[in-house]
C-alpha atoms as a PDB file:
ATOM      1  CA  MET A   1       0.000   0.000   0.000  1.00  0.00           C
ATOM      2  CA  LYS A   2       1.240   3.457  -0.922  1.00  0.00           C
ATOM      3  CA  LEU A   3       0.477   5.672   2.067  1.00  0.00           C
ATOM      4  CA  ILE A   4       1.028   9.356   2.866  1.00  0.00           C
ATOM      5  CA  ILE A   5       0.446  10.816   6.338  1.00  0.00           C
ATOM      6  CA  LEU A   6      -0.380  14.514   6.553  1.00  0.00           C
ATOM      7  CA  ASP A   7      -0.626  16.879   9.467  1.00  0.00           C
ATOM      8  CA  ARG A   8      -3.782  19.012   9.310  1.00  0.00           C
ATOM      9  CA  ASP A   9      -3.438  22.548  10.721  1.00  0.00           C
ATOM     10  CA  GLY A  10      -0.725  24.462   8.869  1.00  0.00           C
ATOM     11  CA  THR A  11      -0.296  21.712   6.275  1.00  0.00           C
ATOM     12  CA  ILE A  12      -3.768  21.333   4.743  1.00  0.00           C
ATOM     13  CA  ASN A  13      -5.543  24.336   6.261  1.00  0.00           C
ATOM     14  CA  HIS A  14      -4.623  27.670   7.786  1.00  0.00           C
ATOM     15  CA  ASP A  15      -3.494  27.378  11.396  1.00  0.00           C
ATOM     16  CA  ARG A  16      -4.543  29.835  14.089  1.00  0.00           C
ATOM     17  CA  ASP A  17      -2.858  30.813  17.332  1.00  0.00           C
ATOM     18  CA  ASP A  18      -6.278  30.584  19.020  1.00  0.00           C
ATOM     19  CA  TYR A  19      -7.026  27.134  17.482  1.00  0.00           C
ATOM     20  CA  VAL A  20      -9.308  26.268  14.589  1.00  0.00           C
ATOM     21  CA  LYS A  21     -12.559  25.816  16.495  1.00  0.00           C
ATOM     22  CA  SER A  22     -15.305  25.577  13.869  1.00  0.00           C
ATOM     23  CA  ALA A  23     -16.025  24.714  10.261  1.00  0.00           C
ATOM     24  CA  ASP A  24     -16.248  28.452   9.525  1.00  0.00           C
ATOM     25  CA  GLU A  25     -12.669  28.890  10.805  1.00  0.00           C
ATOM     26  CA  TRP A  26     -11.385  25.885   8.828  1.00  0.00           C
ATOM     27  CA  GLU A  27      -9.983  27.309   5.578  1.00  0.00           C
ATOM     28  CA  PRO A  28      -7.792  25.300   3.198  1.00  0.00           C
ATOM     29  CA  LEU A  29      -4.369  26.576   2.228  1.00  0.00           C
ATOM     30  CA  ASP A  30      -4.012  27.618  -1.402  1.00  0.00           C
ATOM     31  CA  GLY A  31      -3.449  24.529  -3.542  1.00  0.00           C
ATOM     32  CA  ALA A  32      -3.515  22.055  -0.639  1.00  0.00           C
ATOM     33  CA  LEU A  33      -6.700  20.266  -1.688  1.00  0.00           C
ATOM     34  CA  GLU A  34      -5.499  20.028  -5.280  1.00  0.00           C
ATOM     35  CA  ALA A  35      -2.200  18.634  -3.978  1.00  0.00           C
ATOM     36  CA  ILE A  36      -4.039  15.887  -2.094  1.00  0.00           C
ATOM     37  CA  ALA A  37      -6.004  15.084  -5.266  1.00  0.00           C
ATOM     38  CA  LYS A  38      -2.720  14.870  -7.193  1.00  0.00           C
ATOM     39  CA  ILE A  39      -1.283  12.536  -4.545  1.00  0.00           C
ATOM     40  CA  ASN A  40      -4.421  10.355  -4.735  1.00  0.00           C
ATOM     41  CA  GLN A  41      -4.260  10.265  -8.533  1.00  0.00           C
ATOM     42  CA  ALA A  42      -0.682   8.998  -8.247  1.00  0.00           C
ATOM     43  CA  GLY A  43      -2.064   5.957  -6.381  1.00  0.00           C
ATOM     44  CA  TYR A  44      -1.487   6.987  -2.764  1.00  0.00           C
ATOM     45  CA  ASN A  45      -3.855   6.668   0.156  1.00  0.00           C
ATOM     46  CA  VAL A  46      -3.789   9.758   2.358  1.00  0.00           C
ATOM     47  CA  VAL A  47      -4.455   9.824   6.091  1.00  0.00           C
ATOM     48  CA  VAL A  48      -4.259  12.668   8.572  1.00  0.00           C
ATOM     49  CA  ALA A  49      -2.501  12.607  11.964  1.00  0.00           C
ATOM     50  CA  THR A  50      -3.357  15.715  13.962  1.00  0.00           C
ATOM     51  CA  ASN A  51      -3.109  17.057  17.488  1.00  0.00           C
ATOM     52  CA  GLN A  52      -6.484  18.510  18.477  1.00  0.00           C
ATOM     53  CA  SER A  53      -5.910  19.676  22.040  1.00  0.00           C
ATOM     54  CA  GLY A  54      -8.741  22.178  21.619  1.00  0.00           C
ATOM     55  CA  LEU A  55     -11.003  19.238  22.459  1.00  0.00           C
ATOM     56  CA  GLY A  56      -9.240  18.565  25.767  1.00  0.00           C
ATOM     57  CA  ARG A  57      -9.087  22.284  26.509  1.00  0.00           C
ATOM     58  CA  GLY A  58     -12.867  22.580  26.020  1.00  0.00           C
ATOM     59  CA  LEU A  59     -12.545  25.067  23.149  1.00  0.00           C
ATOM     60  CA  PHE A  60     -14.728  22.926  20.873  1.00  0.00           C
ATOM     61  CA  GLY A  61     -16.468  19.562  20.969  1.00  0.00           C
ATOM     62  CA  MET A  62     -16.712  16.515  18.728  1.00  0.00           C
ATOM     63  CA  THR A  63     -19.637  18.059  16.866  1.00  0.00           C
ATOM     64  CA  GLU A  64     -17.463  20.998  15.810  1.00  0.00           C
ATOM     65  CA  LEU A  65     -14.491  18.752  14.963  1.00  0.00           C
ATOM     66  CA  ASN A  66     -16.721  16.531  12.836  1.00  0.00           C
ATOM     67  CA  ALA A  67     -18.114  19.625  11.076  1.00  0.00           C
ATOM     68  CA  MET A  68     -14.550  20.770  10.275  1.00  0.00           C
ATOM     69  CA  HIS A  69     -13.713  17.379   8.833  1.00  0.00           C
ATOM     70  CA  ASP A  70     -16.995  17.194   6.908  1.00  0.00           C
ATOM     71  CA  LYS A  71     -16.115  20.537   5.310  1.00  0.00           C
ATOM     72  CA  MET A  72     -12.643  19.247   4.445  1.00  0.00           C
ATOM     73  CA  TYR A  73     -14.101  16.070   2.903  1.00  0.00           C
ATOM     74  CA  ARG A  74     -16.643  18.042   0.840  1.00  0.00           C
ATOM     75  CA  LEU A  75     -14.065  20.494  -0.482  1.00  0.00           C
ATOM     76  CA  LEU A  76     -11.653  17.662  -1.218  1.00  0.00           C
ATOM     77  CA  HIS A  77     -14.330  15.781  -3.132  1.00  0.00           C
ATOM     78  CA  THR A  78     -14.935  18.877  -5.255  1.00  0.00           C
ATOM     79  CA  ALA A  79     -11.164  19.070  -5.929  1.00  0.00           C
ATOM     80  CA  GLY A  80     -11.073  15.383  -6.908  1.00  0.00           C
ATOM     81  CA  GLY A  81      -9.271  14.160  -3.788  1.00  0.00           C
ATOM     82  CA  ARG A  82      -9.934  12.168  -0.670  1.00  0.00           C
ATOM     83  CA  ILE A  83      -8.586  11.495   2.793  1.00  0.00           C
ATOM     84  CA  ASP A  84      -9.041   7.889   3.845  1.00  0.00           C
ATOM     85  CA  ALA A  85      -8.921   8.380   7.623  1.00  0.00           C
ATOM     86  CA  ILE A  86      -8.224  10.957  10.315  1.00  0.00           C
ATOM     87  CA  PHE A  87      -6.322  10.029  13.464  1.00  0.00           C
ATOM     88  CA  PHE A  88      -6.314  12.681  16.174  1.00  0.00           C
ATOM     89  CA  CYS A  89      -5.067  13.275  19.690  1.00  0.00           C
ATOM     90  CA  PRO A  90      -7.823  14.979  21.729  1.00  0.00           C
ATOM     91  CA  HIS A  91      -5.750  15.420  24.880  1.00  0.00           C
ATOM     92  CA  ASN A  92      -4.811  18.585  26.745  1.00  0.00           C
ATOM     93  CA  PRO A  93      -1.018  18.393  27.107  1.00  0.00           C
ATOM     94  CA  GLU A  94      -1.070  20.320  30.409  1.00  0.00           C
ATOM     95  CA  VAL A  95      -3.444  17.802  32.001  1.00  0.00           C
ATOM     96  CA  ASP A  96      -3.306  14.479  30.191  1.00  0.00           C
ATOM     97  CA  ALA A  97      -0.348  12.154  29.865  1.00  0.00           C
ATOM     98  CA  CYS A  98      -0.783  10.375  26.558  1.00  0.00           C
ATOM     99  CA  ILE A  99       1.348   8.715  23.910  1.00  0.00           C
ATOM    100  CA  CYS A 100      -0.659   9.984  20.942  1.00  0.00           C
ATOM    101  CA  ARG A 101       0.240  13.680  21.083  1.00  0.00           C
ATOM    102  CA  LYS A 102       2.936  14.566  18.588  1.00  0.00           C
ATOM    103  CA  PRO A 103       5.967  14.650  18.970  1.00  0.00           C
ATOM    104  CA  LEU A 104       5.270  11.191  20.409  1.00  0.00           C
ATOM    105  CA  PRO A 105       4.544   8.533  17.765  1.00  0.00           C
ATOM    106  CA  GLY A 106       1.272   7.116  19.140  1.00  0.00           C
ATOM    107  CA  LEU A 107      -0.901   8.294  16.239  1.00  0.00           C
ATOM    108  CA  PHE A 108       1.587   6.758  13.817  1.00  0.00           C
ATOM    109  CA  ALA A 109       1.428   3.457  15.701  1.00  0.00           C
ATOM    110  CA  GLN A 110      -2.369   3.534  15.309  1.00  0.00           C
ATOM    111  CA  ILE A 111      -1.984   4.155  11.574  1.00  0.00           C
ATOM    112  CA  GLN A 112       0.562   1.354  11.237  1.00  0.00           C
ATOM    113  CA  GLU A 113      -1.717  -1.042  13.105  1.00  0.00           C
ATOM    114  CA  ARG A 114      -4.777  -0.153  11.032  1.00  0.00           C
ATOM    115  CA  TYR A 115      -3.071  -0.206   7.637  1.00  0.00           C
ATOM    116  CA  GLY A 116      -0.302  -2.738   8.257  1.00  0.00           C
ATOM    117  CA  ALA A 117       2.030  -0.317   6.517  1.00  0.00           C
ATOM    118  CA  ASP A 118       5.797  -0.645   6.347  1.00  0.00           C
ATOM    119  CA  MET A 119       6.435   2.749   7.936  1.00  0.00           C
ATOM    120  CA  SER A 120       9.896   2.988   6.354  1.00  0.00           C
ATOM    121  CA  ARG A 121       8.080   3.356   3.012  1.00  0.00           C
ATOM    122  CA  VAL A 122       5.587   5.962   4.260  1.00  0.00           C
ATOM    123  CA  HIS A 123       6.093   9.692   3.646  1.00  0.00           C
ATOM    124  CA  SER A 124       4.826  11.996   6.378  1.00  0.00           C
ATOM    125  CA  VAL A 125       4.312  15.728   5.847  1.00  0.00           C
ATOM    126  CA  GLY A 126       3.922  18.402   8.499  1.00  0.00           C
ATOM    127  CA  ASP A 127       4.586  22.044   9.206  1.00  0.00           C
ATOM    128  CA  SER A 128       6.315  21.754  12.571  1.00  0.00           C
ATOM    129  CA  LEU A 129       9.276  20.050  14.145  1.00  0.00           C
ATOM    130  CA  ARG A 130       6.997  17.973  16.386  1.00  0.00           C
ATOM    131  CA  ASP A 131       5.243  16.558  13.284  1.00  0.00           C
ATOM    132  CA  LEU A 132       8.585  15.434  11.910  1.00  0.00           C
ATOM    133  CA  GLN A 133       9.795  14.094  15.268  1.00  0.00           C
ATOM    134  CA  ALA A 134       6.722  11.863  15.613  1.00  0.00           C
ATOM    135  CA  ALA A 135       7.033  10.618  12.040  1.00  0.00           C
ATOM    136  CA  ASN A 136      10.757  10.006  12.422  1.00  0.00           C
ATOM    137  CA  ALA A 137      10.202   8.061  15.670  1.00  0.00           C
ATOM    138  CA  ALA A 138       7.736   5.861  13.760  1.00  0.00           C
ATOM    139  CA  GLY A 139      10.292   5.260  11.005  1.00  0.00           C
ATOM    140  CA  CYS A 140       8.626   7.381   8.302  1.00  0.00           C
ATOM    141  CA  LYS A 141      10.305   9.517   5.665  1.00  0.00           C
ATOM    142  CA  THR A 142       9.852  13.089   6.879  1.00  0.00           C
ATOM    143  CA  HIS A 143       8.876  16.212   4.967  1.00  0.00           C
ATOM    144  CA  LEU A 144       8.469  19.779   6.233  1.00  0.00           C
ATOM    145  CA  VAL A 145       6.190  22.221   4.427  1.00  0.00           C
ATOM    146  CA  GLN A 146       6.768  25.921   4.989  1.00  0.00           C
ATOM    147  CA  THR A 147       3.117  26.889   5.199  1.00  0.00           C
ATOM    148  CA  GLY A 148       2.285  26.833   8.887  1.00  0.00           C
ATOM    149  CA  LYS A 149       4.483  27.005  11.939  1.00  0.00           C
ATOM    150  CA  SER A 150       7.665  26.704   9.876  1.00  0.00           C
ATOM    151  CA  HIS A 151       6.872  29.600   7.525  1.00  0.00           C
ATOM    152  CA  LEU A 152       9.120  31.948   9.476  1.00  0.00           C
ATOM    153  CA  LYS A 153      12.173  29.712   9.672  1.00  0.00           C
ATOM    154  CA  ILE A 154      13.229  26.124   9.200  1.00  0.00           C
ATOM    155  CA  PRO A 155      13.967  24.412  12.517  1.00  0.00           C
ATOM    156  CA  HIS A 156      17.701  23.711  12.861  1.00  0.00           C
ATOM    157  CA  ASP A 157      17.228  20.237  14.308  1.00  0.00           C
ATOM    158  CA  LEU A 158      15.218  18.499  11.596  1.00  0.00           C
ATOM    159  CA  PRO A 159      15.475  14.706  11.550  1.00  0.00           C
ATOM    160  CA  GLU A 160      18.221  13.349   9.323  1.00  0.00           C
ATOM    161  CA  GLY A 161      17.067  13.056   5.726  1.00  0.00           C
ATOM    162  CA  ALA A 162      14.096  15.408   6.138  1.00  0.00           C
ATOM    163  CA  GLN A 163      13.044  17.147   2.941  1.00  0.00           C
ATOM    164  CA  VAL A 164      11.779  20.750   2.936  1.00  0.00           C
ATOM    165  CA  HIS A 165       9.072  21.917   0.527  1.00  0.00           C
ATOM    166  CA  ALA A 166       7.432  25.306   0.046  1.00  0.00           C
ATOM    167  CA  ASN A 167       3.925  23.846   0.388  1.00  0.00           C
ATOM    168  CA  LEU A 168       1.885  20.681  -0.049  1.00  0.00           C
ATOM    169  CA  MET A 169       1.748  21.072  -3.841  1.00  0.00           C
ATOM    170  CA  ALA A 170       5.545  21.292  -3.969  1.00  0.00           C
ATOM    171  CA  PHE A 171       5.669  18.052  -1.963  1.00  0.00           C
ATOM    172  CA  ALA A 172       3.158  16.405  -4.341  1.00  0.00           C
ATOM    173  CA  ASP A 173       5.229  17.463  -7.351  1.00  0.00           C
ATOM    174  CA  TRP A 174       8.395  16.114  -5.673  1.00  0.00           C
ATOM    175  CA  LEU A 175       6.663  12.839  -4.765  1.00  0.00           C
ATOM    176  CA  ILE A 176       5.458  12.195  -8.271  1.00  0.00           C
ATOM    177  CA  THR A 177       8.813  12.953  -9.895  1.00  0.00           C
ATOM    178  CA  ALA A 178      11.021  11.295  -7.236  1.00  0.00           C
END
């Protein structure tokens, strides 16, 4: 199985310092949905691994999170793409001790278990160092996009072999030609 793991906020959609809390606040990044469609058309399944501590912090509930994801699915369908599954950590890092919050690799272990994927063959794309740390700990090939948290500067301690791309479309173009 050809599998790509994407972060959500800052990779697919605009991130916010005050958290994306509703479908109205969920806005795709320019070209991100088309990039996912391009990745799908190249024969890859796409899943999302995302920290959603706004749930644990009480900033939004499952109804709002589901509405955000429904909006993403609808817009992706219109663009000709799809996301096969969303794995998320709902925990508040100040209160809950969990293994699923990135930079820990718990979400990636869930993905590996569900898909039976050889993680050394999986590309994972995110906009922050913690996204890459979790993916690297799971054995994935790591990719940083400069559209979210990393738009100001590239972290100096990227995992060995990490690739840097301007945005998700640049990653999709690289993937298809690599």
